[in-house]
Amino acid sequence: MENEQILSQFEAIEQKVERLIEVCKTYETTNLELKKKIKDLEEELQGKVEAENNYAEEKALIRSKIDTLLVRLQDIKEA
């Protein structure tokens, strides 16, 4: 009788350990998916930051050219 109880307890422990292993595998898979998503989002963010920087540089260049043209027009007006 005692052996049956011990075996029953071992079986219960084995089932719990197997369930824990399954849960751990599920969490590992989820963790990998989330890491990939983070990497993808970081790359997307970096692309947007670069695009924003390019836009700012282009805007500054256009502003500079407009200012130059306005100065030339002012010079023509004064001449």
PDB file of N, CA and C in Angstrom:
ATOM      1  N   MET A   1       0.820  -1.190   0.000  1.00  0.00           N
ATOM      2  CA  MET A   1       0.000   0.000   0.000  1.00  0.00           C
ATOM      3  C   MET A   1       0.870   1.263   0.000  1.00  0.00           C
ATOM      4  N   GLU A   2       1.905   1.221   0.836  1.00  0.00           N
ATOM      5  CA  GLU A   2       2.788   2.368   0.900  1.00  0.00           C
ATOM      6  C   GLU A   2       3.486   2.605  -0.437  1.00  0.00           C
ATOM      7  N   ASN A   3       3.896   1.534  -1.084  1.00  0.00           N
ATOM      8  CA  ASN A   3       4.559   1.648  -2.385  1.00  0.00           C
ATOM      9  C   ASN A   3       3.627   2.263  -3.415  1.00  0.00           C
ATOM     10  N   GLU A   4       2.360   1.917  -3.364  1.00  0.00           N
ATOM     11  CA  GLU A   4       1.393   2.476  -4.313  1.00  0.00           C
ATOM     12  C   GLU A   4       1.240   3.974  -4.098  1.00  0.00           C
ATOM     13  N   GLN A   5       1.232   4.411  -2.866  1.00  0.00           N
ATOM     14  CA  GLN A   5       1.125   5.838  -2.571  1.00  0.00           C
ATOM     15  C   GLN A   5       2.367   6.582  -3.056  1.00  0.00           C
ATOM     16  N   ILE A   6       3.514   5.974  -2.815  1.00  0.00           N
ATOM     17  CA  ILE A   6       4.766   6.593  -3.262  1.00  0.00           C
ATOM     18  C   ILE A   6       4.788   6.682  -4.787  1.00  0.00           C
ATOM     19  N   LEU A   7       4.420   5.587  -5.450  1.00  0.00           N
ATOM     20  CA  LEU A   7       4.375   5.605  -6.915  1.00  0.00           C
ATOM     21  C   LEU A   7       3.362   6.623  -7.420  1.00  0.00           C
ATOM     22  N   SER A   8       2.242   6.716  -6.783  1.00  0.00           N
ATOM     23  CA  SER A   8       1.211   7.682  -7.157  1.00  0.00           C
ATOM     24  C   SER A   8       1.737   9.114  -7.004  1.00  0.00           C
ATOM     25  N   GLN A   9       2.446   9.351  -5.920  1.00  0.00           N
ATOM     26  CA  GLN A   9       3.020  10.685  -5.707  1.00  0.00           C
ATOM     27  C   GLN A   9       4.091  10.994  -6.753  1.00  0.00           C
ATOM     28  N   PHE A  10       4.915  10.007  -7.089  1.00  0.00           N
ATOM     29  CA  PHE A  10       5.919  10.208  -8.141  1.00  0.00           C
ATOM     30  C   PHE A  10       5.261  10.499  -9.481  1.00  0.00           C
ATOM     31  N   GLU A  11       4.185   9.798  -9.787  1.00  0.00           N
ATOM     32  CA  GLU A  11       3.468  10.053 -11.039  1.00  0.00           C
ATOM     33  C   GLU A  11       2.910  11.470 -11.052  1.00  0.00           C
ATOM     34  N   ALA A  12       2.351  11.887  -9.930  1.00  0.00           N
ATOM     35  CA  ALA A  12       1.822  13.255  -9.842  1.00  0.00           C
ATOM     36  C   ALA A  12       2.938  14.279 -10.027  1.00  0.00           C
ATOM     37  N   ILE A  13       4.083  14.001  -9.410  1.00  0.00           N
ATOM     38  CA  ILE A  13       5.232  14.908  -9.552  1.00  0.00           C
ATOM     39  C   ILE A  13       5.712  14.928 -11.000  1.00  0.00           C
ATOM     40  N   GLU A  14       5.802  13.762 -11.634  1.00  0.00           N
ATOM     41  CA  GLU A  14       6.222  13.694 -13.035  1.00  0.00           C
ATOM     42  C   GLU A  14       5.278  14.478 -13.933  1.00  0.00           C
ATOM     43  N   GLN A  15       3.992  14.364 -13.705  1.00  0.00           N
ATOM     44  CA  GLN A  15       3.018  15.100 -14.516  1.00  0.00           C
ATOM     45  C   GLN A  15       3.186  16.603 -14.335  1.00  0.00           C
ATOM     46  N   LYS A  16       3.421  17.020 -13.084  1.00  0.00           N
ATOM     47  CA  LYS A  16       3.623  18.447 -12.829  1.00  0.00           C
ATOM     48  C   LYS A  16       4.906  18.953 -13.483  1.00  0.00           C
ATOM     49  N   VAL A  17       5.955  18.133 -13.420  1.00  0.00           N
ATOM     50  CA  VAL A  17       7.222  18.522 -14.054  1.00  0.00           C
ATOM     51  C   VAL A  17       7.049  18.614 -15.567  1.00  0.00           C
ATOM     52  N   GLU A  18       6.365  17.663 -16.173  1.00  0.00           N
ATOM     53  CA  GLU A  18       6.108  17.703 -17.614  1.00  0.00           C
ATOM     54  C   GLU A  18       5.310  18.943 -17.992  1.00  0.00           C
ATOM     55  N   ARG A  19       4.322  19.279 -17.173  1.00  0.00           N
ATOM     56  CA  ARG A  19       3.521  20.485 -17.428  1.00  0.00           C
ATOM     57  C   ARG A  19       4.394  21.724 -17.328  1.00  0.00           C
ATOM     58  N   LEU A  20       5.279  21.774 -16.339  1.00  0.00           N
ATOM     59  CA  LEU A  20       6.195  22.911 -16.201  1.00  0.00           C
ATOM     60  C   LEU A  20       7.120  23.032 -17.407  1.00  0.00           C
ATOM     61  N   ILE A  21       7.589  21.889 -17.894  1.00  0.00           N
ATOM     62  CA  ILE A  21       8.455  21.898 -19.077  1.00  0.00           C
ATOM     63  C   ILE A  21       7.695  22.445 -20.280  1.00  0.00           C
ATOM     64  N   GLU A  22       6.453  22.038 -20.446  1.00  0.00           N
ATOM     65  CA  GLU A  22       5.629  22.549 -21.543  1.00  0.00           C
ATOM     66  C   GLU A  22       5.419  24.055 -21.429  1.00  0.00           C
ATOM     67  N   VAL A  23       5.145  24.499 -20.213  1.00  0.00           N
ATOM     68  CA  VAL A  23       4.949  25.933 -19.988  1.00  0.00           C
ATOM     69  C   VAL A  23       6.232  26.697 -20.308  1.00  0.00           C
ATOM     70  N   CYS A  24       7.369  26.159 -19.866  1.00  0.00           N
ATOM     71  CA  CYS A  24       8.656  26.810 -20.147  1.00  0.00           C
ATOM     72  C   CYS A  24       8.911  26.899 -21.649  1.00  0.00           C
ATOM     73  N   LYS A  25       8.620  25.829 -22.381  1.00  0.00           N
ATOM     74  CA  LYS A  25       8.808  25.842 -23.832  1.00  0.00           C
ATOM     75  C   LYS A  25       7.905  26.887 -24.483  1.00  0.00           C
ATOM     76  N   THR A  26       6.685  26.966 -24.000  1.00  0.00           N
ATOM     77  CA  THR A  26       5.754  27.964 -24.533  1.00  0.00           C
ATOM     78  C   THR A  26       6.278  29.376 -24.279  1.00  0.00           C
ATOM     79  N   TYR A  27       6.774  29.606 -23.063  1.00  0.00           N
ATOM     80  CA  TYR A  27       7.325  30.916 -22.734  1.00  0.00           C
ATOM     81  C   TYR A  27       8.574  31.225 -23.554  1.00  0.00           C
ATOM     82  N   GLU A  28       9.397  30.220 -23.799  1.00  0.00           N
ATOM     83  CA  GLU A  28      10.593  30.432 -24.621  1.00  0.00           C
ATOM     84  C   GLU A  28      10.204  30.838 -26.036  1.00  0.00           C
ATOM     85  N   THR A  29       9.201  30.163 -26.579  1.00  0.00           N
ATOM     86  CA  THR A  29       8.731  30.497 -27.927  1.00  0.00           C
ATOM     87  C   THR A  29       8.175  31.914 -27.965  1.00  0.00           C
ATOM     88  N   THR A  30       7.360  32.235 -26.977  1.00  0.00           N
ATOM     89  CA  THR A  30       6.788  33.581 -26.901  1.00  0.00           C
ATOM     90  C   THR A  30       7.886  34.619 -26.745  1.00  0.00           C
ATOM     91  N   ASN A  31       8.874  34.303 -25.927  1.00  0.00           N
ATOM     92  CA  ASN A  31       9.988  35.221 -25.713  1.00  0.00           C
ATOM     93  C   ASN A  31      10.751  35.476 -27.016  1.00  0.00           C
ATOM     94  N   LEU A  32      11.007  34.426 -27.772  1.00  0.00           N
ATOM     95  CA  LEU A  32      11.696  34.597 -29.059  1.00  0.00           C
ATOM     96  C   LEU A  32      10.879  35.448 -30.017  1.00  0.00           C
ATOM     97  N   GLU A  33       9.579  35.216 -30.052  1.00  0.00           N
ATOM     98  CA  GLU A  33       8.708  36.009 -30.925  1.00  0.00           C
ATOM     99  C   GLU A  33       8.725  37.476 -30.522  1.00  0.00           C
ATOM    100  N   LEU A  34       8.682  37.726 -29.224  1.00  0.00           N
ATOM    101  CA  LEU A  34       8.703  39.111 -28.741  1.00  0.00           C
ATOM    102  C   LEU A  34      10.046  39.783 -29.014  1.00  0.00           C
ATOM    103  N   LYS A  35      11.135  39.031 -28.871  1.00  0.00           N
ATOM    104  CA  LYS A  35      12.456  39.600 -29.190  1.00  0.00           C
ATOM    105  C   LYS A  35      12.543  39.973 -30.663  1.00  0.00           C
ATOM    106  N   LYS A  36      11.996  39.116 -31.526  1.00  0.00           N
ATOM    107  CA  LYS A  36      11.994  39.420 -32.955  1.00  0.00           C
ATOM    108  C   LYS A  36      11.148  40.652 -33.238  1.00  0.00           C
ATOM    109  N   LYS A  37      10.012  40.743 -32.584  1.00  0.00           N
ATOM    110  CA  LYS A  37       9.138  41.905 -32.784  1.00  0.00           C
ATOM    111  C   LYS A  37       9.838  43.177 -32.317  1.00  0.00           C
ATOM    112  N   ILE A  38      10.530  43.106 -31.182  1.00  0.00           N
ATOM    113  CA  ILE A  38      11.279  44.271 -30.688  1.00  0.00           C
ATOM    114  C   ILE A  38      12.335  44.678 -31.701  1.00  0.00           C
ATOM    115  N   LYS A  39      13.053  43.694 -32.228  1.00  0.00           N
ATOM    116  CA  LYS A  39      14.098  43.991 -33.218  1.00  0.00           C
ATOM    117  C   LYS A  39      13.493  44.651 -34.450  1.00  0.00           C
ATOM    118  N   ASP A  40      12.372  44.107 -34.934  1.00  0.00           N
ATOM    119  CA  ASP A  40      11.709  44.679 -36.105  1.00  0.00           C
ATOM    120  C   ASP A  40      11.250  46.113 -35.834  1.00  0.00           C
ATOM    121  N   LEU A  41      10.682  46.341 -34.658  1.00  0.00           N
ATOM    122  CA  LEU A  41      10.214  47.688 -34.311  1.00  0.00           C
ATOM    123  C   LEU A  41      11.377  48.666 -34.161  1.00  0.00           C
ATOM    124  N   GLU A  42      12.492  48.193 -33.602  1.00  0.00           N
ATOM    125  CA  GLU A  42      13.670  49.061 -33.478  1.00  0.00           C
ATOM    126  C   GLU A  42      14.203  49.437 -34.856  1.00  0.00           C
ATOM    127  N   GLU A  43      14.219  48.463 -35.783  1.00  0.00           N
ATOM    128  CA  GLU A  43      14.673  48.755 -37.144  1.00  0.00           C
ATOM    129  C   GLU A  43      13.730  49.733 -37.825  1.00  0.00           C
ATOM    130  N   GLU A  44      12.429  49.543 -37.624  1.00  0.00           N
ATOM    131  CA  GLU A  44      11.448  50.457 -38.210  1.00  0.00           C
ATOM    132  C   GLU A  44      11.618  51.863 -37.637  1.00  0.00           C
ATOM    133  N   LEU A  45      11.820  51.939 -36.328  1.00  0.00           N
ATOM    134  CA  LEU A  45      12.025  53.232 -35.679  1.00  0.00           C
ATOM    135  C   LEU A  45      13.289  53.905 -36.209  1.00  0.00           C
ATOM    136  N   GLN A  46      14.358  53.130 -36.361  1.00  0.00           N
ATOM    137  CA  GLN A  46      15.607  53.688 -36.885  1.00  0.00           C
ATOM    138  C   GLN A  46      15.396  54.241 -38.290  1.00  0.00           C
ATOM    139  N   GLY A  47      14.640  53.522 -39.102  1.00  0.00           N
ATOM    140  CA  GLY A  47      14.333  53.998 -40.452  1.00  0.00           C
ATOM    141  C   GLY A  47      13.565  55.303 -40.420  1.00  0.00           C
ATOM    142  N   LYS A  48      12.617  55.404 -39.501  1.00  0.00           N
ATOM    143  CA  LYS A  48      11.831  56.634 -39.391  1.00  0.00           C
ATOM    144  C   LYS A  48      12.682  57.792 -38.884  1.00  0.00           C
ATOM    145  N   VAL A  49      13.591  57.495 -37.964  1.00  0.00           N
ATOM    146  CA  VAL A  49      14.490  58.542 -37.461  1.00  0.00           C
ATOM    147  C   VAL A  49      15.373  59.050 -38.595  1.00  0.00           C
ATOM    148  N   GLU A  50      15.896  58.137 -39.393  1.00  0.00           N
ATOM    149  CA  GLU A  50      16.730  58.536 -40.529  1.00  0.00           C
ATOM    150  C   GLU A  50      15.920  59.350 -41.533  1.00  0.00           C
ATOM    151  N   ALA A  51      14.692  58.936 -41.807  1.00  0.00           N
ATOM    152  CA  ALA A  51      13.838  59.673 -42.734  1.00  0.00           C
ATOM    153  C   ALA A  51      13.545  61.074 -42.195  1.00  0.00           C
ATOM    154  N   GLU A  52      13.316  61.161 -40.898  1.00  0.00           N
ATOM    155  CA  GLU A  52      13.048  62.467 -40.283  1.00  0.00           C
ATOM    156  C   GLU A  52      14.278  63.362 -40.364  1.00  0.00           C
ATOM    157  N   ASN A  53      15.457  62.782 -40.129  1.00  0.00           N
ATOM    158  CA  ASN A  53      16.698  63.561 -40.227  1.00  0.00           C
ATOM    159  C   ASN A  53      16.916  64.047 -41.660  1.00  0.00           C
ATOM    160  N   ASN A  54      16.659  63.167 -42.621  1.00  0.00           N
ATOM    161  CA  ASN A  54      16.801  63.565 -44.025  1.00  0.00           C
ATOM    162  C   ASN A  54      15.829  64.690 -44.366  1.00  0.00           C
ATOM    163  N   TYR A  55      14.594  64.573 -43.858  1.00  0.00           N
ATOM    164  CA  TYR A  55      13.598  65.613 -44.094  1.00  0.00           C
ATOM    165  C   TYR A  55      14.053  66.938 -43.500  1.00  0.00           C
ATOM    166  N   ALA A  56      14.594  66.901 -42.292  1.00  0.00           N
ATOM    167  CA  ALA A  56      15.058  68.123 -41.633  1.00  0.00           C
ATOM    168  C   ALA A  56      16.212  68.755 -42.426  1.00  0.00           C
ATOM    169  N   GLU A  57      17.125  67.931 -42.921  1.00  0.00           N
ATOM    170  CA  GLU A  57      18.241  68.446 -43.722  1.00  0.00           C
ATOM    171  C   GLU A  57      17.731  69.061 -45.023  1.00  0.00           C
ATOM    172  N   GLU A  58      16.785  68.384 -45.653  1.00  0.00           N
ATOM    173  CA  GLU A  58      16.213  68.884 -46.901  1.00  0.00           C
ATOM    174  C   GLU A  58      15.477  70.204 -46.659  1.00  0.00           C
ATOM    175  N   LYS A  59      14.758  70.273 -45.571  1.00  0.00           N
ATOM    176  CA  LYS A  59      14.024  71.488 -45.222  1.00  0.00           C
ATOM    177  C   LYS A  59      14.997  72.646 -44.985  1.00  0.00           C
ATOM    178  N   ALA A  60      16.106  72.372 -44.292  1.00  0.00           N
ATOM    179  CA  ALA A  60      17.114  73.397 -44.032  1.00  0.00           C
ATOM    180  C   ALA A  60      17.754  73.867 -45.334  1.00  0.00           C
ATOM    181  N   LEU A  61      18.012  72.928 -46.245  1.00  0.00           N
ATOM    182  CA  LEU A  61      18.596  73.287 -47.537  1.00  0.00           C
ATOM    183  C   LEU A  61      17.635  74.171 -48.335  1.00  0.00           C
ATOM    184  N   ILE A  62      16.375  73.801 -48.355  1.00  0.00           N
ATOM    185  CA  ILE A  62      15.369  74.594 -49.076  1.00  0.00           C
ATOM    186  C   ILE A  62      15.255  75.981 -48.459  1.00  0.00           C
ATOM    187  N   ARG A  63      15.236  76.029 -47.116  1.00  0.00           N
ATOM    188  CA  ARG A  63      15.150  77.326 -46.422  1.00  0.00           C
ATOM    189  C   ARG A  63      16.346  78.196 -46.793  1.00  0.00           C
ATOM    190  N   SER A  64      17.527  77.593 -46.852  1.00  0.00           N
ATOM    191  CA  SER A  64      18.743  78.326 -47.199  1.00  0.00           C
ATOM    192  C   SER A  64      18.656  78.878 -48.622  1.00  0.00           C
ATOM    193  N   LYS A  65      18.172  78.056 -49.553  1.00  0.00           N
ATOM    194  CA  LYS A  65      18.058  78.513 -50.936  1.00  0.00           C
ATOM    195  C   LYS A  65      17.027  79.634 -51.064  1.00  0.00           C
ATOM    196  N   ILE A  66      15.938  79.534 -50.335  1.00  0.00           N
ATOM    197  CA  ILE A  66      14.919  80.593 -50.364  1.00  0.00           C
ATOM    198  C   ILE A  66      15.505  81.881 -49.800  1.00  0.00           C
ATOM    199  N   ASP A  67      16.227  81.777 -48.691  1.00  0.00           N
ATOM    200  CA  ASP A  67      16.850  82.965 -48.103  1.00  0.00           C
ATOM    201  C   ASP A  67      17.830  83.610 -49.079  1.00  0.00           C
ATOM    202  N   THR A  68      18.609  82.781 -49.770  1.00  0.00           N
ATOM    203  CA  THR A  68      19.554  83.296 -50.762  1.00  0.00           C
ATOM    204  C   THR A  68      18.819  84.018 -51.884  1.00  0.00           C
ATOM    205  N   LEU A  69      17.735  83.428 -52.364  1.00  0.00           N
ATOM    206  CA  LEU A  69      16.949  84.073 -53.424  1.00  0.00           C
ATOM    207  C   LEU A  69      16.327  85.376 -52.939  1.00  0.00           C
ATOM    208  N   LEU A  70      15.858  85.399 -51.702  1.00  0.00           N
ATOM    209  CA  LEU A  70      15.286  86.636 -51.165  1.00  0.00           C
ATOM    210  C   LEU A  70      16.335  87.738 -51.061  1.00  0.00           C
ATOM    211  N   VAL A  71      17.544  87.382 -50.667  1.00  0.00           N
ATOM    212  CA  VAL A  71      18.637  88.357 -50.593  1.00  0.00           C
ATOM    213  C   VAL A  71      18.952  88.880 -51.986  1.00  0.00           C
ATOM    214  N   ARG A  72      18.985  87.980 -52.963  1.00  0.00           N
ATOM    215  CA  ARG A  72      19.267  88.426 -54.338  1.00  0.00           C
ATOM    216  C   ARG A  72      18.167  89.345 -54.852  1.00  0.00           C
ATOM    217  N   LEU A  73      16.909  89.013 -54.554  1.00  0.00           N
ATOM    218  CA  LEU A  73      15.809  89.890 -54.943  1.00  0.00           C
ATOM    219  C   LEU A  73      15.906  91.234 -54.269  1.00  0.00           C
ATOM    220  N   GLN A  74      16.283  91.238 -52.985  1.00  0.00           N
ATOM    221  CA  GLN A  74      16.450  92.491 -52.261  1.00  0.00           C
ATOM    222  C   GLN A  74      17.562  93.324 -52.887  1.00  0.00           C
ATOM    223  N   ASP A  75      18.656  92.673 -53.273  1.00  0.00           N
ATOM    224  CA  ASP A  75      19.770  93.374 -53.917  1.00  0.00           C
ATOM    225  C   ASP A  75      19.322  93.976 -55.239  1.00  0.00           C
ATOM    226  N   ILE A  76      18.521  93.234 -56.010  1.00  0.00           N
ATOM    227  CA  ILE A  76      18.039  93.736 -57.296  1.00  0.00           C
ATOM    228  C   ILE A  76      17.115  94.928 -57.059  1.00  0.00           C
ATOM    229  N   LYS A  77      16.275  94.839 -56.051  1.00  0.00           N
ATOM    230  CA  LYS A  77      15.334  95.905 -55.742  1.00  0.00           C
ATOM    231  C   LYS A  77      16.074  97.182 -55.358  1.00  0.00           C
ATOM    232  N   GLU A  78      17.165  97.032 -54.608  1.00  0.00           N
ATOM    233  CA  GLU A  78      17.925  98.190 -54.151  1.00  0.00           C
ATOM    234  C   GLU A  78      18.797  98.780 -55.241  1.00  0.00           C
ATOM    235  N   ALA A  79      19.087  97.999 -56.248  1.00  0.00           N
ATOM    236  CA  ALA A  79      19.982  98.467 -57.309  1.00  0.00           C
ATOM    237  C   ALA A  79      19.324  99.362 -58.297  1.00  0.00           C
TER     238      ALA A  79
END
